[in-house]
Structures are given as structure tokens and as C-alpha cells.
Amino acid sequence: MEKIKKIELVEVCPRDGLQNEKNLISTPDKLRLIEQAIAYGARRIEVTSFVNPRRVPQLADADELAALLPQRDDVTYIGLVLNQRGAERAIAAGLDELGAVCVASDSFGVRNQGQNSAESLDVARSIVDMAKSSGRGGQITIATAFGCPFEGEVRHDHVLEMAKRAADSQPREIALADTIGVATPGEVADLVGRVAEAVAGLPVRVHFHNTRGTGLANVWAAIGAGARTVDAALGGIGGCPFAPGAAGNVASEDVAYMLERSGIATGYNLPQMVAAAQWLGGVMERSLPAMVSKAPLFPQQLAE
């Protein structure tokens, strides 16, 4: 791997981390989570999703939460949106960036957002246009890029063509999401490398779940293939209500530890992340999947 000095981490715990939790997390606790994320170094945070509250009850307070966010010129608040109505809500709520999602699989797209693959890409491109017209940032994520819970394998050529079309709208970046955690490092390196070459000039972001224990290895492979931004969730929590069996995101503290110990800066403060993860576990009244926040801090001087 070429010498890489820094990787940007996007903290997605407030949205993707919480959205599948059965016990509703209070708005004040979500705000406290976001405040702690800022304190430990997060500068891009996916704070909520502007979707139908009946489908994702955990995020029904999106507008209320957005109104409470700390005013910070150095922090980008991202709202995930799936359609024009969601985009309008996110813009009205003052979010800095809209995260649009298209889907590489028709079956998952219909279940997740009522759109087949082609329709979801058209909508994602229009959301980016709306974001830019309102002076906001717009990004596009290609979900189920590595596999679908209903259709199985997803062709890399199809994902590549989607990425090229997505790039035509000039989003801030294009992300490849392993929505159900089936990817392996070899295929990650292949697909990320091909997409990075095809959309040259646009950054590539990656989003991995650790369902089958390959999450960290996939992050490393993606970085080696050209990705420079990584989604991660504090505590390693998360999942999708419409993706059976999807487990948590790669954990922010685990990713930060791996990269920092490898000489790649993230800008995140590990002891503060561990403290925040332990607080979050208390709020959720359970042990969280992340490994680093369960282990003693290393090297020892980090704890002093």
C-alpha cells in the first residue's frame, strides 16, 4: 500500500447505528452522542434520516434533533434522504449535506425505498441537484454494492455503471456500501479500485458492516484500492430494518485504532471514543460489539 497520511472517518452512529434499535433512544441522548462525537474529533456526522417515521420510528425526531444541533462551522451534519420529500425536509432543517442512496439490487431497492435500481439512481442524482441548488453538499451511496439479501450476488459491472452515472451529477463523493456485510477483502479491492478509476476526480467512500467478521479487513483493502473516506459507527452498532440479518457497522474506535497504529491519521481521540462508547452502552443497557472499547487502552500512556 502506498504511504497514506490521513483517512477521513464519517461518524454514522446517530443515524445508521441507531436506526434499527428496538428501544427508542431519546432526543437528548442522541444530541449528547453527537456532542461527544464532535469532542472526540468527528467533523462529518450522519445525524439522522428524513424518512417516513412509521417505517423507521427510531428517527421520527429528525426535525427536532436537527434544530438542536450545535452550531459549528467546522462540522458537517449529514441527513440521509431517499426521495424529494426527504430532501426538502433536510434542506428546511438546515442540514449541511444530503446523503442520497441508490441501490444495486431491484429487490432491496423496492423494499428499502420503493424504487428499483434504475429509479433509485435517477432519484439520487436529482437529490444531489437539489442539494447543490440550495447551497448544500450532496453525496451518493450505492447500497448492496457487494451483495443483496434477496438476490444474492451483485455484478460488479452493474455497480461500476451505476457509479459512472452517479458521477455525472458531480456529488461530493460516491460511496460503496456493503449493506449486509458479505464483502471480502479481495472483491473490495477489485471493486473499489475499478470505481476509483472510473470516477477519477471524485473521492470514493466506503461503508462496511461487520456481519461476518470481515469489516476491518475490508476497510484496509478499500483504502489500499483508493478509498479515502470511511463510514463507521461508535460501538459498532447498526443495521438496516429492511436487510434481514445485517449486523453492526464497523466500529469507529476499532477503525481509528487500526489506522492510527498503522501511521494513518484520523483526527480522532481514542480515549474519548472509548469513554463515549461506554456511555452509549449504558444508555442502550447492553454490551456493544466494538472490541477496542472493551480492551485496555494501548499503549498505556493513552490512558494517563
C-alpha atoms as a PDB file:
ATOM      1  CA  MET A   1       0.000   0.000   0.000  1.00  0.00           C
ATOM      2  CA  GLU A   2       1.256   3.472  -0.873  1.00  0.00           C
ATOM      3  CA  LYS A   3       2.025   5.678   2.090  1.00  0.00           C
ATOM      4  CA  ILE A   4      -1.259   7.275   3.143  1.00  0.00           C
ATOM      5  CA  LYS A   5      -1.090  10.062   5.684  1.00  0.00           C
ATOM      6  CA  LYS A   6      -4.751  10.585   6.589  1.00  0.00           C
ATOM      7  CA  ILE A   7      -8.178   8.998   6.193  1.00  0.00           C
ATOM      8  CA  GLU A   8     -11.453  10.794   6.837  1.00  0.00           C
ATOM      9  CA  LEU A   9     -13.894   8.981   9.100  1.00  0.00           C
ATOM     10  CA  VAL A  10     -17.599   9.784   8.877  1.00  0.00           C
ATOM     11  CA  GLU A  11     -19.374   9.045  12.159  1.00  0.00           C
ATOM     12  CA  VAL A  12     -22.678   7.351  11.286  1.00  0.00           C
ATOM     13  CA  CYS A  13     -23.736   6.100  14.715  1.00  0.00           C
ATOM     14  CA  PRO A  14     -26.521   8.670  15.287  1.00  0.00           C
ATOM     15  CA  ARG A  15     -28.277   7.503  12.089  1.00  0.00           C
ATOM     16  CA  ASP A  16     -27.182   4.098  10.846  1.00  0.00           C
ATOM     17  CA  GLY A  17     -26.068   2.985  14.274  1.00  0.00           C
ATOM     18  CA  LEU A  18     -29.380   3.710  15.970  1.00  0.00           C
ATOM     19  CA  GLN A  19     -31.959   3.217  13.217  1.00  0.00           C
ATOM     20  CA  ASN A  20     -32.502  -0.497  13.804  1.00  0.00           C
ATOM     21  CA  GLU A  21     -32.608  -0.363  17.609  1.00  0.00           C
ATOM     22  CA  LYS A  22     -35.923  -1.551  19.034  1.00  0.00           C
ATOM     23  CA  ASN A  23     -35.743   0.572  22.184  1.00  0.00           C
ATOM     24  CA  LEU A  24     -36.249   4.218  21.311  1.00  0.00           C
ATOM     25  CA  ILE A  25     -33.298   6.453  22.193  1.00  0.00           C
ATOM     26  CA  SER A  26     -34.334   9.865  23.470  1.00  0.00           C
ATOM     27  CA  THR A  27     -33.598  13.021  21.512  1.00  0.00           C
ATOM     28  CA  PRO A  28     -31.431  14.422  24.365  1.00  0.00           C
ATOM     29  CA  ASP A  29     -29.336  11.236  24.333  1.00  0.00           C
ATOM     30  CA  LYS A  30     -28.935  11.466  20.543  1.00  0.00           C
ATOM     31  CA  LEU A  31     -27.816  15.060  20.940  1.00  0.00           C
ATOM     32  CA  ARG A  32     -25.359  14.029  23.655  1.00  0.00           C
ATOM     33  CA  LEU A  33     -23.999  11.321  21.333  1.00  0.00           C
ATOM     34  CA  ILE A  34     -23.415  13.899  18.606  1.00  0.00           C
ATOM     35  CA  GLU A  35     -21.759  16.306  21.056  1.00  0.00           C
ATOM     36  CA  GLN A  36     -19.403  13.552  22.198  1.00  0.00           C
ATOM     37  CA  ALA A  37     -18.615  12.644  18.599  1.00  0.00           C
ATOM     38  CA  ILE A  38     -17.589  16.250  17.957  1.00  0.00           C
ATOM     39  CA  ALA A  39     -15.478  16.192  21.124  1.00  0.00           C
ATOM     40  CA  TYR A  40     -13.548  13.080  20.059  1.00  0.00           C
ATOM     41  CA  GLY A  41     -12.831  14.521  16.629  1.00  0.00           C
ATOM     42  CA  ALA A  42     -15.699  13.753  14.235  1.00  0.00           C
ATOM     43  CA  ARG A  43     -16.076  16.504  11.646  1.00  0.00           C
ATOM     44  CA  ARG A  44     -18.603  14.801   9.369  1.00  0.00           C
ATOM     45  CA  ILE A  45     -21.518  13.210  11.194  1.00  0.00           C
ATOM     46  CA  GLU A  46     -24.547  11.446   9.758  1.00  0.00           C
ATOM     47  CA  VAL A  47     -27.004  12.733  12.330  1.00  0.00           C
ATOM     48  CA  THR A  48     -30.369  11.377  11.176  1.00  0.00           C
ATOM     49  CA  SER A  49     -32.551  10.271   8.276  1.00  0.00           C
ATOM     50  CA  PHE A  50     -35.509  12.145   6.814  1.00  0.00           C
ATOM     51  CA  VAL A  51     -37.686   9.139   6.038  1.00  0.00           C
ATOM     52  CA  ASN A  52     -41.213   8.052   6.865  1.00  0.00           C
ATOM     53  CA  PRO A  53     -41.327   7.858  10.687  1.00  0.00           C
ATOM     54  CA  ARG A  54     -43.742   4.928  10.507  1.00  0.00           C
ATOM     55  CA  ARG A  55     -41.097   2.886   8.707  1.00  0.00           C
ATOM     56  CA  VAL A  56     -38.168   3.950  10.916  1.00  0.00           C
ATOM     57  CA  PRO A  57     -39.640   5.035  14.282  1.00  0.00           C
ATOM     58  CA  GLN A  58     -36.197   5.473  15.846  1.00  0.00           C
ATOM     59  CA  LEU A  59     -35.591   8.510  13.628  1.00  0.00           C
ATOM     60  CA  ALA A  60     -39.022  10.126  13.900  1.00  0.00           C
ATOM     61  CA  ASP A  61     -37.436  13.079  15.725  1.00  0.00           C
ATOM     62  CA  ALA A  62     -35.256  14.103  12.750  1.00  0.00           C
ATOM     63  CA  ASP A  63     -36.585  17.653  12.501  1.00  0.00           C
ATOM     64  CA  GLU A  64     -36.490  18.188  16.271  1.00  0.00           C
ATOM     65  CA  LEU A  65     -32.928  16.874  16.540  1.00  0.00           C
ATOM     66  CA  ALA A  66     -31.730  18.988  13.612  1.00  0.00           C
ATOM     67  CA  ALA A  67     -32.975  22.137  15.358  1.00  0.00           C
ATOM     68  CA  LEU A  68     -30.867  21.307  18.428  1.00  0.00           C
ATOM     69  CA  LEU A  69     -27.538  20.604  16.711  1.00  0.00           C
ATOM     70  CA  PRO A  70     -24.572  22.671  17.933  1.00  0.00           C
ATOM     71  CA  GLN A  71     -23.726  25.472  15.518  1.00  0.00           C
ATOM     72  CA  ARG A  72     -20.226  24.614  14.318  1.00  0.00           C
ATOM     73  CA  ASP A  73     -18.502  25.967  11.227  1.00  0.00           C
ATOM     74  CA  ASP A  74     -16.044  23.057  11.343  1.00  0.00           C
ATOM     75  CA  VAL A  75     -18.623  20.238  11.428  1.00  0.00           C
ATOM     76  CA  THR A  76     -20.693  18.924   8.514  1.00  0.00           C
ATOM     77  CA  TYR A  77     -24.054  17.490   9.523  1.00  0.00           C
ATOM     78  CA  ILE A  78     -25.391  14.902   7.073  1.00  0.00           C
ATOM     79  CA  GLY A  79     -29.007  13.819   6.675  1.00  0.00           C
ATOM     80  CA  LEU A  80     -29.845  10.662   4.754  1.00  0.00           C
ATOM     81  CA  VAL A  81     -32.738  11.107   2.299  1.00  0.00           C
ATOM     82  CA  LEU A  82     -34.405   8.705  -0.122  1.00  0.00           C
ATOM     83  CA  ASN A  83     -36.735  10.945  -2.119  1.00  0.00           C
ATOM     84  CA  GLN A  84     -37.643  14.533  -2.950  1.00  0.00           C
ATOM     85  CA  ARG A  85     -39.801  14.962   0.153  1.00  0.00           C
ATOM     86  CA  GLY A  86     -36.945  13.844   2.389  1.00  0.00           C
ATOM     87  CA  ALA A  87     -34.564  16.187   0.601  1.00  0.00           C
ATOM     88  CA  GLU A  88     -36.932  19.110   1.093  1.00  0.00           C
ATOM     89  CA  ARG A  89     -37.193  18.320   4.809  1.00  0.00           C
ATOM     90  CA  ALA A  90     -33.408  18.041   5.228  1.00  0.00           C
ATOM     91  CA  ILE A  91     -32.828  21.340   3.447  1.00  0.00           C
ATOM     92  CA  ALA A  92     -35.528  23.085   5.506  1.00  0.00           C
ATOM     93  CA  ALA A  93     -33.987  21.648   8.681  1.00  0.00           C
ATOM     94  CA  GLY A  94     -30.646  23.254   7.823  1.00  0.00           C
ATOM     95  CA  LEU A  95     -28.546  20.126   7.283  1.00  0.00           C
ATOM     96  CA  ASP A  96     -25.192  20.805   5.613  1.00  0.00           C
ATOM     97  CA  GLU A  97     -25.166  17.756   3.376  1.00  0.00           C
ATOM     98  CA  LEU A  98     -27.715  15.383   1.897  1.00  0.00           C
ATOM     99  CA  GLY A  99     -26.870  11.707   1.618  1.00  0.00           C
ATOM    100  CA  ALA A 100     -28.735  10.126  -1.286  1.00  0.00           C
ATOM    101  CA  VAL A 101     -28.960   6.351  -1.668  1.00  0.00           C
ATOM    102  CA  CYS A 102     -29.319   4.305  -4.818  1.00  0.00           C
ATOM    103  CA  VAL A 103     -29.471   0.524  -4.752  1.00  0.00           C
ATOM    104  CA  ALA A 104     -27.668  -2.033  -6.897  1.00  0.00           C
ATOM    105  CA  SER A 105     -30.455  -4.588  -6.412  1.00  0.00           C
ATOM    106  CA  ASP A 106     -34.063  -4.168  -7.559  1.00  0.00           C
ATOM    107  CA  SER A 107     -35.476  -6.358  -4.784  1.00  0.00           C
ATOM    108  CA  PHE A 108     -33.753  -4.483  -1.989  1.00  0.00           C
ATOM    109  CA  GLY A 109     -34.478  -1.095  -3.558  1.00  0.00           C
ATOM    110  CA  VAL A 110     -38.205  -1.775  -3.684  1.00  0.00           C
ATOM    111  CA  ARG A 111     -38.275  -2.932  -0.065  1.00  0.00           C
ATOM    112  CA  ASN A 112     -35.982  -0.174   1.236  1.00  0.00           C
ATOM    113  CA  GLN A 113     -37.302   2.856  -0.638  1.00  0.00           C
ATOM    114  CA  GLY A 114     -39.994   1.804  -3.081  1.00  0.00           C
ATOM    115  CA  GLN A 115     -37.719   2.193  -6.116  1.00  0.00           C
ATOM    116  CA  ASN A 116     -35.967  -0.267  -8.373  1.00  0.00           C
ATOM    117  CA  SER A 117     -32.259   0.112  -9.063  1.00  0.00           C
ATOM    118  CA  ALA A 118     -32.572   2.433 -12.057  1.00  0.00           C
ATOM    119  CA  GLU A 119     -35.257   4.554 -10.408  1.00  0.00           C
ATOM    120  CA  SER A 120     -33.207   4.904  -7.232  1.00  0.00           C
ATOM    121  CA  LEU A 121     -30.224   6.169  -9.226  1.00  0.00           C
ATOM    122  CA  ASP A 122     -32.345   8.766 -11.015  1.00  0.00           C
ATOM    123  CA  VAL A 123     -33.743   9.953  -7.686  1.00  0.00           C
ATOM    124  CA  ALA A 124     -30.273  10.071  -6.096  1.00  0.00           C
ATOM    125  CA  ARG A 125     -28.978  12.237  -8.932  1.00  0.00           C
ATOM    126  CA  SER A 126     -31.942  14.598  -8.545  1.00  0.00           C
ATOM    127  CA  ILE A 127     -31.307  14.841  -4.786  1.00  0.00           C
ATOM    128  CA  VAL A 128     -27.723  15.914  -5.453  1.00  0.00           C
ATOM    129  CA  ASP A 129     -29.041  18.571  -7.832  1.00  0.00           C
ATOM    130  CA  MET A 130     -31.468  19.787  -5.147  1.00  0.00           C
ATOM    131  CA  ALA A 131     -28.704  19.907  -2.558  1.00  0.00           C
ATOM    132  CA  LYS A 132     -26.367  21.891  -4.773  1.00  0.00           C
ATOM    133  CA  SER A 133     -29.135  24.289  -5.832  1.00  0.00           C
ATOM    134  CA  SER A 134     -29.736  25.097  -2.174  1.00  0.00           C
ATOM    135  CA  GLY A 135     -26.047  25.601  -1.425  1.00  0.00           C
ATOM    136  CA  ARG A 136     -25.627  22.259   0.345  1.00  0.00           C
ATOM    137  CA  GLY A 137     -23.409  19.302  -0.305  1.00  0.00           C
ATOM    138  CA  GLY A 138     -24.744  16.126  -1.900  1.00  0.00           C
ATOM    139  CA  GLN A 139     -23.315  12.617  -1.835  1.00  0.00           C
ATOM    140  CA  ILE A 140     -24.437   9.323  -3.364  1.00  0.00           C
ATOM    141  CA  THR A 141     -24.164   5.890  -1.780  1.00  0.00           C
ATOM    142  CA  ILE A 142     -24.638   2.716  -3.820  1.00  0.00           C
ATOM    143  CA  ALA A 143     -26.246   0.260  -1.403  1.00  0.00           C
ATOM    144  CA  THR A 144     -25.971  -3.541  -1.691  1.00  0.00           C
ATOM    145  CA  ALA A 145     -22.868  -2.980  -3.831  1.00  0.00           C
ATOM    146  CA  PHE A 146     -21.379  -6.293  -2.706  1.00  0.00           C
ATOM    147  CA  GLY A 147     -24.472  -8.446  -2.271  1.00  0.00           C
ATOM    148  CA  CYS A 148     -28.234  -8.435  -1.752  1.00  0.00           C
ATOM    149  CA  PRO A 149     -30.172 -10.343   0.941  1.00  0.00           C
ATOM    150  CA  PHE A 150     -32.836 -11.257  -1.620  1.00  0.00           C
ATOM    151  CA  GLU A 151     -30.969 -11.666  -4.928  1.00  0.00           C
ATOM    152  CA  GLY A 152     -27.554 -12.806  -3.713  1.00  0.00           C
ATOM    153  CA  GLU A 153     -24.535 -11.828  -5.811  1.00  0.00           C
ATOM    154  CA  VAL A 154     -24.450  -8.367  -7.381  1.00  0.00           C
ATOM    155  CA  ARG A 155     -22.477  -7.930 -10.602  1.00  0.00           C
ATOM    156  CA  HIS A 156     -19.509  -5.600 -10.260  1.00  0.00           C
ATOM    157  CA  ASP A 157     -20.058  -4.348 -13.799  1.00  0.00           C
ATOM    158  CA  HIS A 158     -23.529  -3.177 -12.811  1.00  0.00           C
ATOM    159  CA  VAL A 159     -22.165  -1.301  -9.797  1.00  0.00           C
ATOM    160  CA  LEU A 160     -19.456   0.226 -11.976  1.00  0.00           C
ATOM    161  CA  GLU A 161     -22.014   1.537 -14.463  1.00  0.00           C
ATOM    162  CA  MET A 162     -24.094   2.961 -11.624  1.00  0.00           C
ATOM    163  CA  ALA A 163     -21.042   4.736 -10.249  1.00  0.00           C
ATOM    164  CA  LYS A 164     -20.309   6.282 -13.645  1.00  0.00           C
ATOM    165  CA  ARG A 165     -23.874   7.579 -13.979  1.00  0.00           C
ATOM    166  CA  ALA A 166     -23.850   8.823 -10.394  1.00  0.00           C
ATOM    167  CA  ALA A 167     -20.628  10.696 -11.106  1.00  0.00           C
ATOM    168  CA  ASP A 168     -22.350  12.661 -13.873  1.00  0.00           C
ATOM    169  CA  SER A 169     -24.242  14.631 -11.217  1.00  0.00           C
ATOM    170  CA  GLN A 170     -20.925  15.620  -9.592  1.00  0.00           C
ATOM    171  CA  PRO A 171     -21.693  14.632  -5.987  1.00  0.00           C
ATOM    172  CA  ARG A 172     -19.200  15.317  -3.225  1.00  0.00           C
ATOM    173  CA  GLU A 173     -18.252  11.651  -3.376  1.00  0.00           C
ATOM    174  CA  ILE A 174     -19.532   8.219  -4.299  1.00  0.00           C
ATOM    175  CA  ALA A 175     -19.784   5.541  -1.637  1.00  0.00           C
ATOM    176  CA  LEU A 176     -19.920   1.775  -1.977  1.00  0.00           C
ATOM    177  CA  ALA A 177     -21.934   0.141   0.791  1.00  0.00           C
ATOM    178  CA  ASP A 178     -21.738  -3.461   1.909  1.00  0.00           C
ATOM    179  CA  THR A 179     -25.240  -3.237   3.338  1.00  0.00           C
ATOM    180  CA  ILE A 180     -25.410  -6.788   4.702  1.00  0.00           C
ATOM    181  CA  GLY A 181     -21.751  -7.469   5.470  1.00  0.00           C
ATOM    182  CA  VAL A 182     -20.942 -10.089   2.832  1.00  0.00           C
ATOM    183  CA  ALA A 183     -17.890  -8.473   1.224  1.00  0.00           C
ATOM    184  CA  THR A 184     -14.384  -9.914   1.406  1.00  0.00           C
ATOM    185  CA  PRO A 185     -11.085  -8.027   1.043  1.00  0.00           C
ATOM    186  CA  GLY A 186     -10.273  -9.367  -2.418  1.00  0.00           C
ATOM    187  CA  GLU A 187     -13.537  -8.285  -4.002  1.00  0.00           C
ATOM    188  CA  VAL A 188     -13.440  -4.982  -2.105  1.00  0.00           C
ATOM    189  CA  ALA A 189     -10.020  -4.212  -3.537  1.00  0.00           C
ATOM    190  CA  ASP A 190     -11.229  -5.094  -7.030  1.00  0.00           C
ATOM    191  CA  LEU A 191     -14.479  -3.096  -6.989  1.00  0.00           C
ATOM    192  CA  VAL A 192     -13.156  -0.055  -5.142  1.00  0.00           C
ATOM    193  CA  GLY A 193     -10.169   0.083  -7.473  1.00  0.00           C
ATOM    194  CA  ARG A 194     -12.358  -0.125 -10.574  1.00  0.00           C
ATOM    195  CA  VAL A 195     -14.776   2.514  -9.308  1.00  0.00           C
ATOM    196  CA  ALA A 196     -11.985   4.866  -8.227  1.00  0.00           C
ATOM    197  CA  GLU A 197     -10.525   4.655 -11.716  1.00  0.00           C
ATOM    198  CA  ALA A 198     -13.896   5.095 -13.432  1.00  0.00           C
ATOM    199  CA  VAL A 199     -14.863   8.206 -11.446  1.00  0.00           C
ATOM    200  CA  ALA A 200     -11.364   9.676 -11.312  1.00  0.00           C
ATOM    201  CA  GLY A 201     -11.503  13.101  -9.718  1.00  0.00           C
ATOM    202  CA  LEU A 202     -14.334  12.166  -7.352  1.00  0.00           C
ATOM    203  CA  PRO A 203     -13.488  10.716  -3.921  1.00  0.00           C
ATOM    204  CA  VAL A 204     -14.633   7.187  -3.080  1.00  0.00           C
ATOM    205  CA  ARG A 205     -16.145   6.489   0.334  1.00  0.00           C
ATOM    206  CA  VAL A 206     -16.870   3.033   1.755  1.00  0.00           C
ATOM    207  CA  HIS A 207     -19.454   1.730   4.189  1.00  0.00           C
ATOM    208  CA  PHE A 208     -18.987  -1.718   5.723  1.00  0.00           C
ATOM    209  CA  HIS A 209     -20.908  -3.884   8.138  1.00  0.00           C
ATOM    210  CA  ASN A 210     -19.141  -6.495  10.212  1.00  0.00           C
ATOM    211  CA  THR A 211     -21.794  -9.205   9.902  1.00  0.00           C
ATOM    212  CA  ARG A 212     -19.289 -11.917   9.005  1.00  0.00           C
ATOM    213  CA  GLY A 213     -16.216 -10.522  10.739  1.00  0.00           C
ATOM    214  CA  THR A 214     -14.530  -9.090   7.634  1.00  0.00           C
ATOM    215  CA  GLY A 215     -15.292  -5.416   8.267  1.00  0.00           C
ATOM    216  CA  LEU A 216     -11.847  -4.177   9.341  1.00  0.00           C
ATOM    217  CA  ALA A 217     -10.081  -6.211   6.664  1.00  0.00           C
ATOM    218  CA  ASN A 218     -12.439  -4.694   4.110  1.00  0.00           C
ATOM    219  CA  VAL A 219     -11.654  -1.181   5.331  1.00  0.00           C
ATOM    220  CA  TRP A 220      -7.938  -1.867   4.904  1.00  0.00           C
ATOM    221  CA  ALA A 221      -8.442  -3.339   1.437  1.00  0.00           C
ATOM    222  CA  ALA A 222     -10.604  -0.392   0.372  1.00  0.00           C
ATOM    223  CA  ILE A 223      -8.013   2.136   1.486  1.00  0.00           C
ATOM    224  CA  GLY A 224      -5.330   0.269  -0.410  1.00  0.00           C
ATOM    225  CA  ALA A 225      -7.510   0.415  -3.526  1.00  0.00           C
ATOM    226  CA  GLY A 226      -8.079   4.162  -3.334  1.00  0.00           C
ATOM    227  CA  ALA A 227     -10.886   4.913  -0.867  1.00  0.00           C
ATOM    228  CA  ARG A 228     -10.095   7.916   1.287  1.00  0.00           C
ATOM    229  CA  THR A 229     -13.255   8.229   3.400  1.00  0.00           C
ATOM    230  CA  VAL A 230     -14.700   5.529   5.662  1.00  0.00           C
ATOM    231  CA  ASP A 231     -18.068   5.345   7.418  1.00  0.00           C
ATOM    232  CA  ALA A 232     -18.010   3.906  10.926  1.00  0.00           C
ATOM    233  CA  ALA A 233     -20.308   3.802  13.948  1.00  0.00           C
ATOM    234  CA  LEU A 234     -19.285   4.251  17.567  1.00  0.00           C
ATOM    235  CA  GLY A 235     -19.612   0.975  19.423  1.00  0.00           C
ATOM    236  CA  GLY A 236     -20.012  -0.998  16.190  1.00  0.00           C
ATOM    237  CA  ILE A 237     -23.806  -0.867  16.329  1.00  0.00           C
ATOM    238  CA  GLY A 238     -26.239  -0.616  13.445  1.00  0.00           C
ATOM    239  CA  GLY A 239     -28.195  -2.411  10.785  1.00  0.00           C
ATOM    240  CA  CYS A 240     -30.977  -1.892   8.291  1.00  0.00           C
ATOM    241  CA  PRO A 241     -34.653  -2.609   9.086  1.00  0.00           C
ATOM    242  CA  PHE A 242     -35.092  -3.897   5.521  1.00  0.00           C
ATOM    243  CA  ALA A 243     -31.978  -6.097   5.328  1.00  0.00           C
ATOM    244  CA  PRO A 244     -32.540  -9.378   7.217  1.00  0.00           C
ATOM    245  CA  GLY A 245     -29.535 -10.450   9.261  1.00  0.00           C
ATOM    246  CA  ALA A 246     -27.475  -7.287   8.771  1.00  0.00           C
ATOM    247  CA  ALA A 247     -25.332  -6.704  11.832  1.00  0.00           C
ATOM    248  CA  GLY A 248     -23.464  -3.656  13.062  1.00  0.00           C
ATOM    249  CA  ASN A 249     -21.286  -1.208  11.223  1.00  0.00           C
ATOM    250  CA  VAL A 250     -17.527  -1.349  11.541  1.00  0.00           C
ATOM    251  CA  ALA A 251     -16.794   0.313  14.876  1.00  0.00           C
ATOM    252  CA  SER A 252     -15.362   3.818  14.856  1.00  0.00           C
ATOM    253  CA  GLU A 253     -12.950   3.077  17.685  1.00  0.00           C
ATOM    254  CA  ASP A 254     -11.761  -0.173  16.054  1.00  0.00           C
ATOM    255  CA  VAL A 255     -11.146   1.562  12.708  1.00  0.00           C
ATOM    256  CA  ALA A 256      -9.405   4.520  14.373  1.00  0.00           C
ATOM    257  CA  TYR A 257      -7.152   2.208  16.395  1.00  0.00           C
ATOM    258  CA  MET A 258      -6.181   0.146  13.335  1.00  0.00           C
ATOM    259  CA  LEU A 259      -5.384   3.199  11.234  1.00  0.00           C
ATOM    260  CA  GLU A 260      -3.620   5.279  13.885  1.00  0.00           C
ATOM    261  CA  ARG A 261      -1.429   2.339  14.911  1.00  0.00           C
ATOM    262  CA  SER A 262      -0.596   1.906  11.219  1.00  0.00           C
ATOM    263  CA  GLY A 263       0.588   5.504  10.953  1.00  0.00           C
ATOM    264  CA  ILE A 264      -2.557   6.819   9.233  1.00  0.00           C
ATOM    265  CA  ALA A 265      -4.094   9.824  10.975  1.00  0.00           C
ATOM    266  CA  THR A 266      -7.846  10.066  11.581  1.00  0.00           C
ATOM    267  CA  GLY A 267      -8.060  13.103  13.829  1.00  0.00           C
ATOM    268  CA  TYR A 268      -9.976  11.044  16.397  1.00  0.00           C
ATOM    269  CA  ASN A 269      -9.097  10.866  20.106  1.00  0.00           C
ATOM    270  CA  LEU A 270      -9.200   7.198  21.115  1.00  0.00           C
ATOM    271  CA  PRO A 271      -9.605   7.563  24.916  1.00  0.00           C
ATOM    272  CA  GLN A 272     -12.530   9.918  24.373  1.00  0.00           C
ATOM    273  CA  MET A 273     -14.050   7.490  21.894  1.00  0.00           C
ATOM    274  CA  VAL A 274     -13.797   4.648  24.392  1.00  0.00           C
ATOM    275  CA  ALA A 275     -15.446   6.764  27.083  1.00  0.00           C
ATOM    276  CA  ALA A 276     -18.232   7.712  24.678  1.00  0.00           C
ATOM    277  CA  ALA A 277     -18.771   4.077  23.663  1.00  0.00           C
ATOM    278  CA  GLN A 278     -19.009   3.021  27.290  1.00  0.00           C
ATOM    279  CA  TRP A 279     -21.539   5.814  27.916  1.00  0.00           C
ATOM    280  CA  LEU A 280     -23.541   4.671  24.881  1.00  0.00           C
ATOM    281  CA  GLY A 281     -23.551   1.090  26.140  1.00  0.00           C
ATOM    282  CA  GLY A 282     -25.048   2.385  29.379  1.00  0.00           C
ATOM    283  CA  VAL A 283     -27.745   4.278  27.515  1.00  0.00           C
ATOM    284  CA  MET A 284     -28.598   1.179  25.488  1.00  0.00           C
ATOM    285  CA  GLU A 285     -28.289  -1.091  28.513  1.00  0.00           C
ATOM    286  CA  ARG A 286     -26.191  -3.685  26.730  1.00  0.00           C
ATOM    287  CA  SER A 287     -22.662  -4.520  25.718  1.00  0.00           C
ATOM    288  CA  LEU A 288     -21.758  -3.088  22.318  1.00  0.00           C
ATOM    289  CA  PRO A 289     -19.948  -5.114  19.613  1.00  0.00           C
ATOM    290  CA  ALA A 290     -16.806  -2.949  19.272  1.00  0.00           C
ATOM    291  CA  MET A 291     -13.615  -4.587  20.507  1.00  0.00           C
ATOM    292  CA  VAL A 292     -11.293  -1.674  21.290  1.00  0.00           C
ATOM    293  CA  SER A 293     -13.658  -0.124  23.838  1.00  0.00           C
ATOM    294  CA  LYS A 294     -13.739  -3.440  25.734  1.00  0.00           C
ATOM    295  CA  ALA A 295      -9.955  -3.819  25.858  1.00  0.00           C
ATOM    296  CA  PRO A 296      -7.373  -1.937  27.956  1.00  0.00           C
ATOM    297  CA  LEU A 297      -6.094   1.180  26.213  1.00  0.00           C
ATOM    298  CA  PHE A 298      -2.836   0.598  24.374  1.00  0.00           C
ATOM    299  CA  PRO A 299      -0.261   1.995  24.602  1.00  0.00           C
ATOM    300  CA  GLN A 300      -0.790   2.560  28.316  1.00  0.00           C
ATOM    301  CA  GLN A 301       0.120   6.244  28.180  1.00  0.00           C
ATOM    302  CA  LEU A 302      -3.088   6.914  26.253  1.00  0.00           C
ATOM    303  CA  ALA A 303      -4.960   6.281  29.484  1.00  0.00           C
ATOM    304  CA  GLU A 304      -2.851   8.694  31.509  1.00  0.00           C
END
